[in-house]
PDB file of N, CA and C in Angstrom:
ATOM      1  N   MET A   1      11.762  -2.515 -10.747  1.00  0.00           N
ATOM      2  CA  MET A   1      11.066  -1.781  -9.803  1.00  0.00           C
ATOM      3  C   MET A   1      11.790  -2.216  -8.457  1.00  0.00           C
ATOM      4  N   ILE A   2      12.237  -3.302  -8.347  1.00  0.00           N
ATOM      5  CA  ILE A   2      13.197  -3.604  -7.139  1.00  0.00           C
ATOM      6  C   ILE A   2      14.652  -2.804  -7.312  1.00  0.00           C
ATOM      7  N   ALA A   3      15.223  -2.658  -8.474  1.00  0.00           N
ATOM      8  CA  ALA A   3      16.327  -1.686  -8.150  1.00  0.00           C
ATOM      9  C   ALA A   3      15.907  -0.185  -7.888  1.00  0.00           C
ATOM     10  N   LEU A   4      14.855   0.292  -8.280  1.00  0.00           N
ATOM     11  CA  LEU A   4      14.432   1.413  -8.086  1.00  0.00           C
ATOM     12  C   LEU A   4      14.241   1.835  -6.636  1.00  0.00           C
ATOM     13  N   VAL A   5      13.434   0.968  -6.052  1.00  0.00           N
ATOM     14  CA  VAL A   5      13.325   0.656  -4.534  1.00  0.00           C
ATOM     15  C   VAL A   5      14.801   0.622  -3.668  1.00  0.00           C
ATOM     16  N   GLN A   6      15.540  -0.285  -4.477  1.00  0.00           N
ATOM     17  CA  GLN A   6      16.814  -0.366  -3.581  1.00  0.00           C
ATOM     18  C   GLN A   6      17.701   0.680  -3.626  1.00  0.00           C
ATOM     19  N   SER A   7      17.569   1.669  -4.794  1.00  0.00           N
ATOM     20  CA  SER A   7      18.436   2.799  -4.864  1.00  0.00           C
ATOM     21  C   SER A   7      18.040   3.911  -3.928  1.00  0.00           C
ATOM     22  N   GLN A   8      17.036   3.581  -3.160  1.00  0.00           N
ATOM     23  CA  GLN A   8      16.585   4.692  -2.265  1.00  0.00           C
ATOM     24  C   GLN A   8      16.522   3.730  -0.684  1.00  0.00           C
ATOM     25  N   SER A   9      17.715   3.244  -0.471  1.00  0.00           N
ATOM     26  CA  SER A   9      17.802   2.508   0.503  1.00  0.00           C
ATOM     27  C   SER A   9      18.096   3.178   1.842  1.00  0.00           C
ATOM     28  N   PHE A  10      17.252   2.718   2.945  1.00  0.00           N
ATOM     29  CA  PHE A  10      17.501   3.257   4.460  1.00  0.00           C
ATOM     30  C   PHE A  10      18.485   2.335   5.327  1.00  0.00           C
ATOM     31  N   LEU A  11      19.348   2.935   5.746  1.00  0.00           N
ATOM     32  CA  LEU A  11      20.207   1.972   6.836  1.00  0.00           C
ATOM     33  C   LEU A  11      19.862   2.241   8.278  1.00  0.00           C
ATOM     34  N   GLY A  12      19.131   3.021   8.531  1.00  0.00           N
ATOM     35  CA  GLY A  12      18.834   3.126  10.191  1.00  0.00           C
ATOM     36  C   GLY A  12      19.922   3.628  10.656  1.00  0.00           C
ATOM     37  N   GLU A  13      20.973   4.305  10.232  1.00  0.00           N
ATOM     38  CA  GLU A  13      22.084   5.257  10.498  1.00  0.00           C
ATOM     39  C   GLU A  13      21.601   6.572  10.993  1.00  0.00           C
ATOM     40  N   GLY A  14      22.368   7.234  12.093  1.00  0.00           N
ATOM     41  CA  GLY A  14      22.455   8.617  12.375  1.00  0.00           C
ATOM     42  C   GLY A  14      21.398   9.805  11.913  1.00  0.00           C
ATOM     43  N   ASP A  15      21.534  10.608  11.110  1.00  0.00           N
ATOM     44  CA  ASP A  15      20.532  11.497  10.884  1.00  0.00           C
ATOM     45  C   ASP A  15      19.624  11.027   9.640  1.00  0.00           C
ATOM     46  N   GLU A  16      19.422   9.903   9.301  1.00  0.00           N
ATOM     47  CA  GLU A  16      18.418   9.343   8.189  1.00  0.00           C
ATOM     48  C   GLU A  16      17.189   9.657   8.776  1.00  0.00           C
ATOM     49  N   ASN A  17      16.256  10.093   7.903  1.00  0.00           N
ATOM     50  CA  ASN A  17      14.910  10.396   8.446  1.00  0.00           C
ATOM     51  C   ASN A  17      13.948   9.210   7.830  1.00  0.00           C
ATOM     52  N   PRO A  18      13.307   8.498   8.922  1.00  0.00           N
ATOM     53  CA  PRO A  18      12.532   7.150   8.227  1.00  0.00           C
ATOM     54  C   PRO A  18      11.183   8.008   7.966  1.00  0.00           C
ATOM     55  N   TYR A  19      10.860   8.878   8.415  1.00  0.00           N
ATOM     56  CA  TYR A  19       9.207   9.384   7.557  1.00  0.00           C
ATOM     57  C   TYR A  19       9.478   9.968   6.089  1.00  0.00           C
ATOM     58  N   LEU A  20      10.646  10.489   5.973  1.00  0.00           N
ATOM     59  CA  LEU A  20      11.146  10.734   4.510  1.00  0.00           C
ATOM     60  C   LEU A  20      11.190   9.304   3.751  1.00  0.00           C
ATOM     61  N   HIS A  21      11.991   8.557   4.079  1.00  0.00           N
ATOM     62  CA  HIS A  21      12.050   7.288   3.415  1.00  0.00           C
ATOM     63  C   HIS A  21      10.643   6.634   3.138  1.00  0.00           C
ATOM     64  N   ILE A  22       9.888   6.677   4.307  1.00  0.00           N
ATOM     65  CA  ILE A  22       8.711   5.900   3.877  1.00  0.00           C
ATOM     66  C   ILE A  22       7.696   6.801   2.915  1.00  0.00           C
ATOM     67  N   THR A  23       7.963   8.037   3.012  1.00  0.00           N
ATOM     68  CA  THR A  23       6.805   8.870   1.794  1.00  0.00           C
ATOM     69  C   THR A  23       7.665   8.658   0.512  1.00  0.00           C
ATOM     70  N   ASP A  24       9.027   8.590   0.482  1.00  0.00           N
ATOM     71  CA  ASP A  24       9.631   8.471  -1.073  1.00  0.00           C
ATOM     72  C   ASP A  24       9.365   6.877  -1.352  1.00  0.00           C
ATOM     73  N   PHE A  25       9.328   5.816  -0.585  1.00  0.00           N
ATOM     74  CA  PHE A  25       9.099   4.543  -0.876  1.00  0.00           C
ATOM     75  C   PHE A  25       7.574   4.403  -1.139  1.00  0.00           C
ATOM     76  N   GLU A  26       6.657   4.767  -0.696  1.00  0.00           N
ATOM     77  CA  GLU A  26       5.413   4.774  -0.850  1.00  0.00           C
ATOM     78  C   GLU A  26       5.093   5.645  -2.392  1.00  0.00           C
ATOM     79  N   GLN A  27       5.644   6.583  -2.485  1.00  0.00           N
ATOM     80  CA  GLN A  27       5.366   7.470  -3.844  1.00  0.00           C
ATOM     81  C   GLN A  27       6.039   6.459  -5.074  1.00  0.00           C
ATOM     82  N   THR A  28       7.187   5.996  -4.736  1.00  0.00           N
ATOM     83  CA  THR A  28       7.831   4.981  -5.543  1.00  0.00           C
ATOM     84  C   THR A  28       6.811   3.916  -5.920  1.00  0.00           C
ATOM     85  N   CYS A  29       6.436   3.243  -4.796  1.00  0.00           N
ATOM     86  CA  CYS A  29       5.404   1.987  -5.144  1.00  0.00           C
ATOM     87  C   CYS A  29       3.858   2.627  -5.664  1.00  0.00           C
ATOM     88  N   ASP A  30       3.607   3.718  -5.624  1.00  0.00           N
ATOM     89  CA  ASP A  30       2.258   4.304  -6.141  1.00  0.00           C
ATOM     90  C   ASP A  30       2.508   4.164  -7.805  1.00  0.00           C
ATOM     91  N   CYS A  31       3.771   4.281  -8.353  1.00  0.00           N
ATOM     92  CA  CYS A  31       4.074   4.463  -9.800  1.00  0.00           C
ATOM     93  C   CYS A  31       3.988   2.840 -10.248  1.00  0.00           C
ATOM     94  N   LEU A  32       3.713   2.167  -9.480  1.00  0.00           N
ATOM     95  CA  LEU A  32       3.546   0.237  -9.936  1.00  0.00           C
ATOM     96  C   LEU A  32       2.075   0.155  -9.539  1.00  0.00           C
ATOM     97  N   ARG A  33       1.344  -0.539 -10.699  1.00  0.00           N
ATOM     98  CA  ARG A  33       0.212  -1.276 -10.273  1.00  0.00           C
ATOM     99  C   ARG A  33       0.382  -2.912 -10.747  1.00  0.00           C
ATOM    100  N   ILE A  34       0.051  -3.671 -10.308  1.00  0.00           N
ATOM    101  CA  ILE A  34      -0.066  -5.229 -10.617  1.00  0.00           C
ATOM    102  C   ILE A  34      -1.339  -5.417 -10.422  1.00  0.00           C
ATOM    103  N   GLU A  35      -1.910  -6.105 -11.589  1.00  0.00           N
ATOM    104  CA  GLU A  35      -3.374  -6.613 -11.529  1.00  0.00           C
ATOM    105  C   GLU A  35      -3.453  -7.698 -10.360  1.00  0.00           C
ATOM    106  N   GLY A  36      -4.326  -7.236  -9.525  1.00  0.00           N
ATOM    107  CA  GLY A  36      -4.699  -8.418  -8.541  1.00  0.00           C
ATOM    108  C   GLY A  36      -3.901  -8.081  -7.469  1.00  0.00           C
ATOM    109  N   ILE A  37      -3.045  -7.213  -7.358  1.00  0.00           N
ATOM    110  CA  ILE A  37      -2.427  -6.834  -5.915  1.00  0.00           C
ATOM    111  C   ILE A  37      -2.633  -5.849  -5.505  1.00  0.00           C
ATOM    112  N   CYS A  38      -3.085  -5.512  -4.121  1.00  0.00           N
ATOM    113  CA  CYS A  38      -3.447  -4.185  -3.759  1.00  0.00           C
ATOM    114  C   CYS A  38      -2.315  -3.309  -3.115  1.00  0.00           C
ATOM    115  N   ASP A  39      -2.061  -2.015  -3.196  1.00  0.00           N
ATOM    116  CA  ASP A  39      -1.230  -1.145  -2.504  1.00  0.00           C
ATOM    117  C   ASP A  39      -0.359  -1.908  -1.599  1.00  0.00           C
ATOM    118  N   GLU A  40      -1.181  -2.111  -0.906  1.00  0.00           N
ATOM    119  CA  GLU A  40      -0.469  -2.700   0.769  1.00  0.00           C
ATOM    120  C   GLU A  40       0.160  -3.763   0.667  1.00  0.00           C
ATOM    121  N   THR A  41      -0.315  -4.802  -0.105  1.00  0.00           N
ATOM    122  CA  THR A  41       0.586  -5.905  -0.379  1.00  0.00           C
ATOM    123  C   THR A  41       1.621  -5.593  -1.070  1.00  0.00           C
ATOM    124  N   LEU A  42       1.761  -4.799  -2.253  1.00  0.00           N
ATOM    125  CA  LEU A  42       2.889  -4.575  -2.903  1.00  0.00           C
ATOM    126  C   LEU A  42       3.727  -3.670  -1.922  1.00  0.00           C
ATOM    127  N   ARG A  43       3.487  -3.064  -1.363  1.00  0.00           N
ATOM    128  CA  ARG A  43       4.383  -2.097  -0.224  1.00  0.00           C
ATOM    129  C   ARG A  43       5.111  -3.134   0.800  1.00  0.00           C
ATOM    130  N   TRP A  44       4.366  -4.253   1.079  1.00  0.00           N
ATOM    131  CA  TRP A  44       4.852  -5.243   2.105  1.00  0.00           C
ATOM    132  C   TRP A  44       5.868  -5.916   1.556  1.00  0.00           C
ATOM    133  N   LYS A  45       5.648  -6.425  -0.060  1.00  0.00           N
ATOM    134  CA  LYS A  45       6.618  -7.081  -0.805  1.00  0.00           C
ATOM    135  C   LYS A  45       8.125  -6.498  -0.984  1.00  0.00           C
ATOM    136  N   LEU A  46       7.813  -5.142  -1.371  1.00  0.00           N
ATOM    137  CA  LEU A  46       8.906  -4.095  -1.880  1.00  0.00           C
ATOM    138  C   LEU A  46       9.679  -3.897  -0.568  1.00  0.00           C
ATOM    139  N   PHE A  47       9.117  -3.456   0.748  1.00  0.00           N
ATOM    140  CA  PHE A  47       9.658  -2.783   1.542  1.00  0.00           C
ATOM    141  C   PHE A  47      11.037  -3.249   2.032  1.00  0.00           C
ATOM    142  N   PRO A  48      11.080  -4.558   2.152  1.00  0.00           N
ATOM    143  CA  PRO A  48      12.456  -5.124   2.695  1.00  0.00           C
ATOM    144  C   PRO A  48      13.458  -4.655   2.010  1.00  0.00           C
ATOM    145  N   PHE A  49      13.164  -4.607   0.514  1.00  0.00           N
ATOM    146  CA  PHE A  49      14.417  -4.182  -0.550  1.00  0.00           C
ATOM    147  C   PHE A  49      14.955  -2.991  -0.414  1.00  0.00           C
ATOM    148  N   SER A  50      14.229  -1.895   0.255  1.00  0.00           N
ATOM    149  CA  SER A  50      14.543  -0.637   0.272  1.00  0.00           C
ATOM    150  C   SER A  50      15.345  -0.377   1.788  1.00  0.00           C
ATOM    151  N   LEU A  51      15.517  -1.530   2.457  1.00  0.00           N
ATOM    152  CA  LEU A  51      16.484  -1.302   3.965  1.00  0.00           C
ATOM    153  C   LEU A  51      17.810  -2.310   3.718  1.00  0.00           C
ATOM    154  N   LYS A  52      18.832  -1.556   4.756  1.00  0.00           N
ATOM    155  CA  LYS A  52      19.841  -2.103   4.937  1.00  0.00           C
ATOM    156  C   LYS A  52      20.223  -2.008   5.811  1.00  0.00           C
ATOM    157  N   GLY A  53      21.448  -2.708   6.357  1.00  0.00           N
ATOM    158  CA  GLY A  53      22.157  -2.606   7.620  1.00  0.00           C
ATOM    159  C   GLY A  53      21.201  -2.838   9.192  1.00  0.00           C
ATOM    160  N   LYS A  54      21.229  -1.814   9.955  1.00  0.00           N
ATOM    161  CA  LYS A  54      20.188  -2.210  10.968  1.00  0.00           C
ATOM    162  C   LYS A  54      18.896  -2.083  10.735  1.00  0.00           C
ATOM    163  N   ALA A  55      18.464  -1.488   9.514  1.00  0.00           N
ATOM    164  CA  ALA A  55      17.130  -1.193   9.463  1.00  0.00           C
ATOM    165  C   ALA A  55      16.549  -2.683   8.939  1.00  0.00           C
ATOM    166  N   ILE A  56      17.451  -3.572   7.939  1.00  0.00           N
ATOM    167  CA  ILE A  56      16.863  -4.743   7.574  1.00  0.00           C
ATOM    168  C   ILE A  56      16.997  -5.670   8.759  1.00  0.00           C
ATOM    169  N   GLN A  57      17.861  -5.564   9.527  1.00  0.00           N
ATOM    170  CA  GLN A  57      17.800  -6.209  11.013  1.00  0.00           C
ATOM    171  C   GLN A  57      16.548  -5.968  11.773  1.00  0.00           C
ATOM    172  N   TRP A  58      16.068  -4.692  11.721  1.00  0.00           N
ATOM    173  CA  TRP A  58      14.848  -4.369  12.629  1.00  0.00           C
ATOM    174  C   TRP A  58      13.738  -5.109  11.656  1.00  0.00           C
ATOM    175  N   TYR A  59      13.479  -4.936  10.531  1.00  0.00           N
ATOM    176  CA  TYR A  59      12.543  -5.338  10.002  1.00  0.00           C
ATOM    177  C   TYR A  59      12.341  -6.991  10.202  1.00  0.00           C
ATOM    178  N   ASN A  60      13.502  -7.612  10.241  1.00  0.00           N
ATOM    179  CA  ASN A  60      13.639  -8.912  10.046  1.00  0.00           C
ATOM    180  C   ASN A  60      12.859  -9.395  11.532  1.00  0.00           C
ATOM    181  N   THR A  61      13.082  -8.608  12.486  1.00  0.00           N
ATOM    182  CA  THR A  61      12.072  -9.183  14.095  1.00  0.00           C
ATOM    183  C   THR A  61      11.199  -8.471  14.131  1.00  0.00           C
ATOM    184  N   ALA A  62      10.552  -7.584  13.319  1.00  0.00           N
ATOM    185  CA  ALA A  62       9.442  -6.821  13.595  1.00  0.00           C
ATOM    186  C   ALA A  62       8.389  -7.214  12.833  1.00  0.00           C
ATOM    187  N   VAL A  63       8.440  -7.781  11.552  1.00  0.00           N
ATOM    188  CA  VAL A  63       7.728  -8.122  10.367  1.00  0.00           C
ATOM    189  C   VAL A  63       6.766  -9.009  11.050  1.00  0.00           C
ATOM    190  N   GLY A  64       7.006 -10.100  11.864  1.00  0.00           N
ATOM    191  CA  GLY A  64       5.852 -11.003  12.302  1.00  0.00           C
ATOM    192  C   GLY A  64       5.139 -10.469  13.270  1.00  0.00           C
ATOM    193  N   LYS A  65       5.420  -9.205  13.939  1.00  0.00           N
ATOM    194  CA  LYS A  65       4.620  -8.423  14.924  1.00  0.00           C
ATOM    195  C   LYS A  65       3.274  -7.547  14.473  1.00  0.00           C
ATOM    196  N   GLN A  66       3.798  -7.418  13.030  1.00  0.00           N
ATOM    197  CA  GLN A  66       2.786  -6.289  12.282  1.00  0.00           C
ATOM    198  C   GLN A  66       1.369  -7.015  11.870  1.00  0.00           C
ATOM    199  N   GLN A  67       1.659  -8.555  11.743  1.00  0.00           N
ATOM    200  CA  GLN A  67       0.549  -9.363  11.162  1.00  0.00           C
ATOM    201  C   GLN A  67      -0.269  -8.430   9.885  1.00  0.00           C
ATOM    202  N   GLY A  68       0.574  -8.237   8.876  1.00  0.00           N
ATOM    203  CA  GLY A  68       0.130  -7.869   7.860  1.00  0.00           C
ATOM    204  C   GLY A  68      -0.401  -6.393   7.707  1.00  0.00           C
ATOM    205  N   ASP A  69      -0.341  -5.771   8.375  1.00  0.00           N
ATOM    206  CA  ASP A  69      -0.852  -4.071   8.689  1.00  0.00           C
ATOM    207  C   ASP A  69       0.112  -3.314   8.092  1.00  0.00           C
ATOM    208  N   TRP A  70       0.291  -2.786   6.763  1.00  0.00           N
ATOM    209  CA  TRP A  70       1.094  -1.791   6.467  1.00  0.00           C
ATOM    210  C   TRP A  70       1.370  -0.436   7.277  1.00  0.00           C
ATOM    211  N   GLY A  71      -0.116  -0.238   7.659  1.00  0.00           N
ATOM    212  CA  GLY A  71      -0.071   1.296   8.706  1.00  0.00           C
ATOM    213  C   GLY A  71       0.698   1.104   9.940  1.00  0.00           C
ATOM    214  N   SER A  72       0.671  -0.363  10.555  1.00  0.00           N
ATOM    215  CA  SER A  72       1.136  -0.701  11.793  1.00  0.00           C
ATOM    216  C   SER A  72       2.633  -0.481  11.418  1.00  0.00           C
ATOM    217  N   LEU A  73       3.041  -1.594  10.434  1.00  0.00           N
ATOM    218  CA  LEU A  73       4.554  -1.440  10.048  1.00  0.00           C
ATOM    219  C   LEU A  73       5.302  -0.239  10.016  1.00  0.00           C
ATOM    220  N   ARG A  74       4.417   0.659   9.242  1.00  0.00           N
ATOM    221  CA  ARG A  74       4.950   1.843   8.820  1.00  0.00           C
ATOM    222  C   ARG A  74       5.234   2.746  10.286  1.00  0.00           C
ATOM    223  N   SER A  75       4.163   2.823  10.901  1.00  0.00           N
ATOM    224  CA  SER A  75       4.439   3.883  12.229  1.00  0.00           C
ATOM    225  C   SER A  75       5.449   3.009  13.026  1.00  0.00           C
ATOM    226  N   ASN A  76       5.502   1.731  13.126  1.00  0.00           N
ATOM    227  CA  ASN A  76       6.487   1.370  14.406  1.00  0.00           C
ATOM    228  C   ASN A  76       7.958   1.588  13.516  1.00  0.00           C
ATOM    229  N   PHE A  77       7.928   1.647  12.377  1.00  0.00           N
ATOM    230  CA  PHE A  77       9.111   1.732  11.674  1.00  0.00           C
ATOM    231  C   PHE A  77       9.927   3.195  11.758  1.00  0.00           C
ATOM    232  N   CYS A  78       8.886   4.171  11.755  1.00  0.00           N
ATOM    233  CA  CYS A  78       9.310   5.635  12.008  1.00  0.00           C
ATOM    234  C   CYS A  78       9.428   5.924  13.297  1.00  0.00           C
ATOM    235  N   LEU A  79       8.836   5.388  14.141  1.00  0.00           N
ATOM    236  CA  LEU A  79       8.959   5.381  15.760  1.00  0.00           C
ATOM    237  C   LEU A  79       9.920   4.874  16.258  1.00  0.00           C
ATOM    238  N   ASP A  80      10.849   3.494  15.612  1.00  0.00           N
ATOM    239  CA  ASP A  80      11.700   2.874  16.178  1.00  0.00           C
ATOM    240  C   ASP A  80      12.947   3.763  15.685  1.00  0.00           C
ATOM    241  N   PHE A  81      12.860   4.297  14.334  1.00  0.00           N
ATOM    242  CA  PHE A  81      14.119   5.303  14.117  1.00  0.00           C
ATOM    243  C   PHE A  81      13.882   6.546  14.127  1.00  0.00           C
ATOM    244  N   TYR A  82      13.102   6.889  14.722  1.00  0.00           N
ATOM    245  CA  TYR A  82      12.890   8.558  15.058  1.00  0.00           C
ATOM    246  C   TYR A  82      11.977   8.550  16.066  1.00  0.00           C
ATOM    247  N   PRO A  83      12.264   8.107  17.413  1.00  0.00           N
ATOM    248  CA  PRO A  83      11.410   7.816  18.706  1.00  0.00           C
ATOM    249  C   PRO A  83      10.576   9.364  19.012  1.00  0.00           C
ATOM    250  N   ILE A  84       9.708   9.206  19.613  1.00  0.00           N
ATOM    251  CA  ILE A  84       9.078  10.042  20.229  1.00  0.00           C
ATOM    252  C   ILE A  84       9.962  11.341  21.011  1.00  0.00           C
ATOM    253  N   SER A  85      10.959  10.643  21.824  1.00  0.00           N
ATOM    254  CA  SER A  85      11.813  11.510  22.407  1.00  0.00           C
ATOM    255  C   SER A  85      12.462  12.622  21.707  1.00  0.00           C
ATOM    256  N   GLN A  86      12.887  12.121  20.499  1.00  0.00           N
ATOM    257  CA  GLN A  86      13.468  13.348  19.653  1.00  0.00           C
ATOM    258  C   GLN A  86      12.318  14.346  19.232  1.00  0.00           C
ATOM    259  N   ILE A  87      11.392  13.851  18.868  1.00  0.00           N
ATOM    260  CA  ILE A  87      10.164  14.534  18.438  1.00  0.00           C
ATOM    261  C   ILE A  87       9.905  15.775  19.581  1.00  0.00           C
ATOM    262  N   THR A  88       9.750  15.335  20.607  1.00  0.00           N
ATOM    263  CA  THR A  88       9.594  16.195  21.663  1.00  0.00           C
ATOM    264  C   THR A  88      10.702  16.821  22.026  1.00  0.00           C
ATOM    265  N   ASP A  89      11.835  16.583  21.861  1.00  0.00           N
ATOM    266  CA  ASP A  89      13.107  17.450  21.952  1.00  0.00           C
ATOM    267  C   ASP A  89      13.122  18.525  20.977  1.00  0.00           C
ATOM    268  N   LEU A  90      12.647  18.317  19.657  1.00  0.00           N
ATOM    269  CA  LEU A  90      12.448  19.313  18.705  1.00  0.00           C
ATOM    270  C   LEU A  90      11.540  20.196  18.986  1.00  0.00           C
ATOM    271  N   THR A  91      10.403  19.761  19.395  1.00  0.00           N
ATOM    272  CA  THR A  91       9.354  20.514  19.776  1.00  0.00           C
ATOM    273  C   THR A  91       9.953  21.304  20.700  1.00  0.00           C
ATOM    274  N   VAL A  92      10.154  21.246  21.802  1.00  0.00           N
ATOM    275  CA  VAL A  92      10.522  21.894  23.052  1.00  0.00           C
ATOM    276  C   VAL A  92      11.545  22.983  22.395  1.00  0.00           C
ATOM    277  N   LYS A  93      12.528  22.784  21.602  1.00  0.00           N
ATOM    278  CA  LYS A  93      13.432  23.887  20.983  1.00  0.00           C
ATOM    279  C   LYS A  93      12.443  24.711  20.291  1.00  0.00           C
ATOM    280  N   VAL A  94      11.701  24.279  19.578  1.00  0.00           N
ATOM    281  CA  VAL A  94      10.968  25.238  18.606  1.00  0.00           C
ATOM    282  C   VAL A  94       9.925  26.203  19.575  1.00  0.00           C
ATOM    283  N   LEU A  95       9.412  25.637  20.559  1.00  0.00           N
ATOM    284  CA  LEU A  95       8.777  26.330  21.435  1.00  0.00           C
ATOM    285  C   LEU A  95       9.019  27.406  22.320  1.00  0.00           C
ATOM    286  N   THR A  96      10.742  26.934  22.834  1.00  0.00           N
ATOM    287  CA  THR A  96      11.297  27.946  23.372  1.00  0.00           C
ATOM    288  C   THR A  96      12.328  28.920  22.981  1.00  0.00           C
ATOM    289  N   ILE A  97      12.297  28.994  21.542  1.00  0.00           N
ATOM    290  CA  ILE A  97      12.972  29.803  20.687  1.00  0.00           C
ATOM    291  C   ILE A  97      12.784  31.543  21.431  1.00  0.00           C
ATOM    292  N   LYS A  98      13.960  32.057  21.453  1.00  0.00           N
ATOM    293  CA  LYS A  98      13.938  33.453  22.150  1.00  0.00           C
ATOM    294  C   LYS A  98      14.942  34.209  21.226  1.00  0.00           C
ATOM    295  N   GLN A  99      14.642  35.548  21.168  1.00  0.00           N
ATOM    296  CA  GLN A  99      15.259  36.418  20.318  1.00  0.00           C
ATOM    297  C   GLN A  99      16.800  36.854  21.339  1.00  0.00           C
ATOM    298  N   GLU A 100      17.794  36.780  20.976  1.00  0.00           N
ATOM    299  CA  GLU A 100      19.469  37.287  21.749  1.00  0.00           C
ATOM    300  C   GLU A 100      19.350  38.540  21.561  1.00  0.00           C
ATOM    301  N   SER A 101      20.031  39.164  22.452  1.00  0.00           N
ATOM    302  CA  SER A 101      19.920  40.651  22.519  1.00  0.00           C
ATOM    303  C   SER A 101      20.693  41.344  21.345  1.00  0.00           C
ATOM    304  N   LYS A 102      21.538  40.660  20.259  1.00  0.00           N
ATOM    305  CA  LYS A 102      22.314  41.208  18.931  1.00  0.00           C
ATOM    306  C   LYS A 102      21.438  40.677  17.896  1.00  0.00           C
ATOM    307  N   GLU A 103      20.355  40.039  17.973  1.00  0.00           N
ATOM    308  CA  GLU A 103      19.619  39.492  16.829  1.00  0.00           C
ATOM    309  C   GLU A 103      18.702  40.470  16.813  1.00  0.00           C
ATOM    310  N   THR A 104      18.263  40.736  15.232  1.00  0.00           N
ATOM    311  CA  THR A 104      16.947  41.751  14.930  1.00  0.00           C
ATOM    312  C   THR A 104      16.005  40.766  14.075  1.00  0.00           C
ATOM    313  N   LEU A 105      14.779  41.603  14.109  1.00  0.00           N
ATOM    314  CA  LEU A 105      13.781  40.646  13.207  1.00  0.00           C
ATOM    315  C   LEU A 105      13.771  41.247  12.041  1.00  0.00           C
ATOM    316  N   ALA A 106      14.115  42.566  11.744  1.00  0.00           N
ATOM    317  CA  ALA A 106      14.238  42.941  10.591  1.00  0.00           C
ATOM    318  C   ALA A 106      15.097  42.431   9.626  1.00  0.00           C
ATOM    319  N   LEU A 107      14.371  42.171   8.186  1.00  0.00           N
ATOM    320  CA  LEU A 107      15.440  41.610   7.066  1.00  0.00           C
ATOM    321  C   LEU A 107      16.092  42.853   6.324  1.00  0.00           C
ATOM    322  N   ASP A 108      17.258  42.590   5.995  1.00  0.00           N
ATOM    323  CA  ASP A 108      17.756  43.776   5.217  1.00  0.00           C
ATOM    324  C   ASP A 108      17.623  43.456   4.094  1.00  0.00           C
TER     325      ASP A 108
END
């Protein structure tokens, strides 16, 4: 299982999407059941194996602040690697799309 998680590593670089990483990671974890271990604990145990580079450095400093709350760790991970400012910028771009003079709406 660790090898599978490691094969989907997140580096924390450039255009990587932390939301997609978390989704893929959680889906991978959902394929494994260990008697006596809840899903949240399993995710906590496996998550650092899915990180490399800047992302594992982030984890090592952030993990103590989360106090065992997977939802908090997940949210902070996503916001730190894909901050609200980027989301706001994308939202503004979508909301301000306008048709240029040589563009048509009809499909050929």
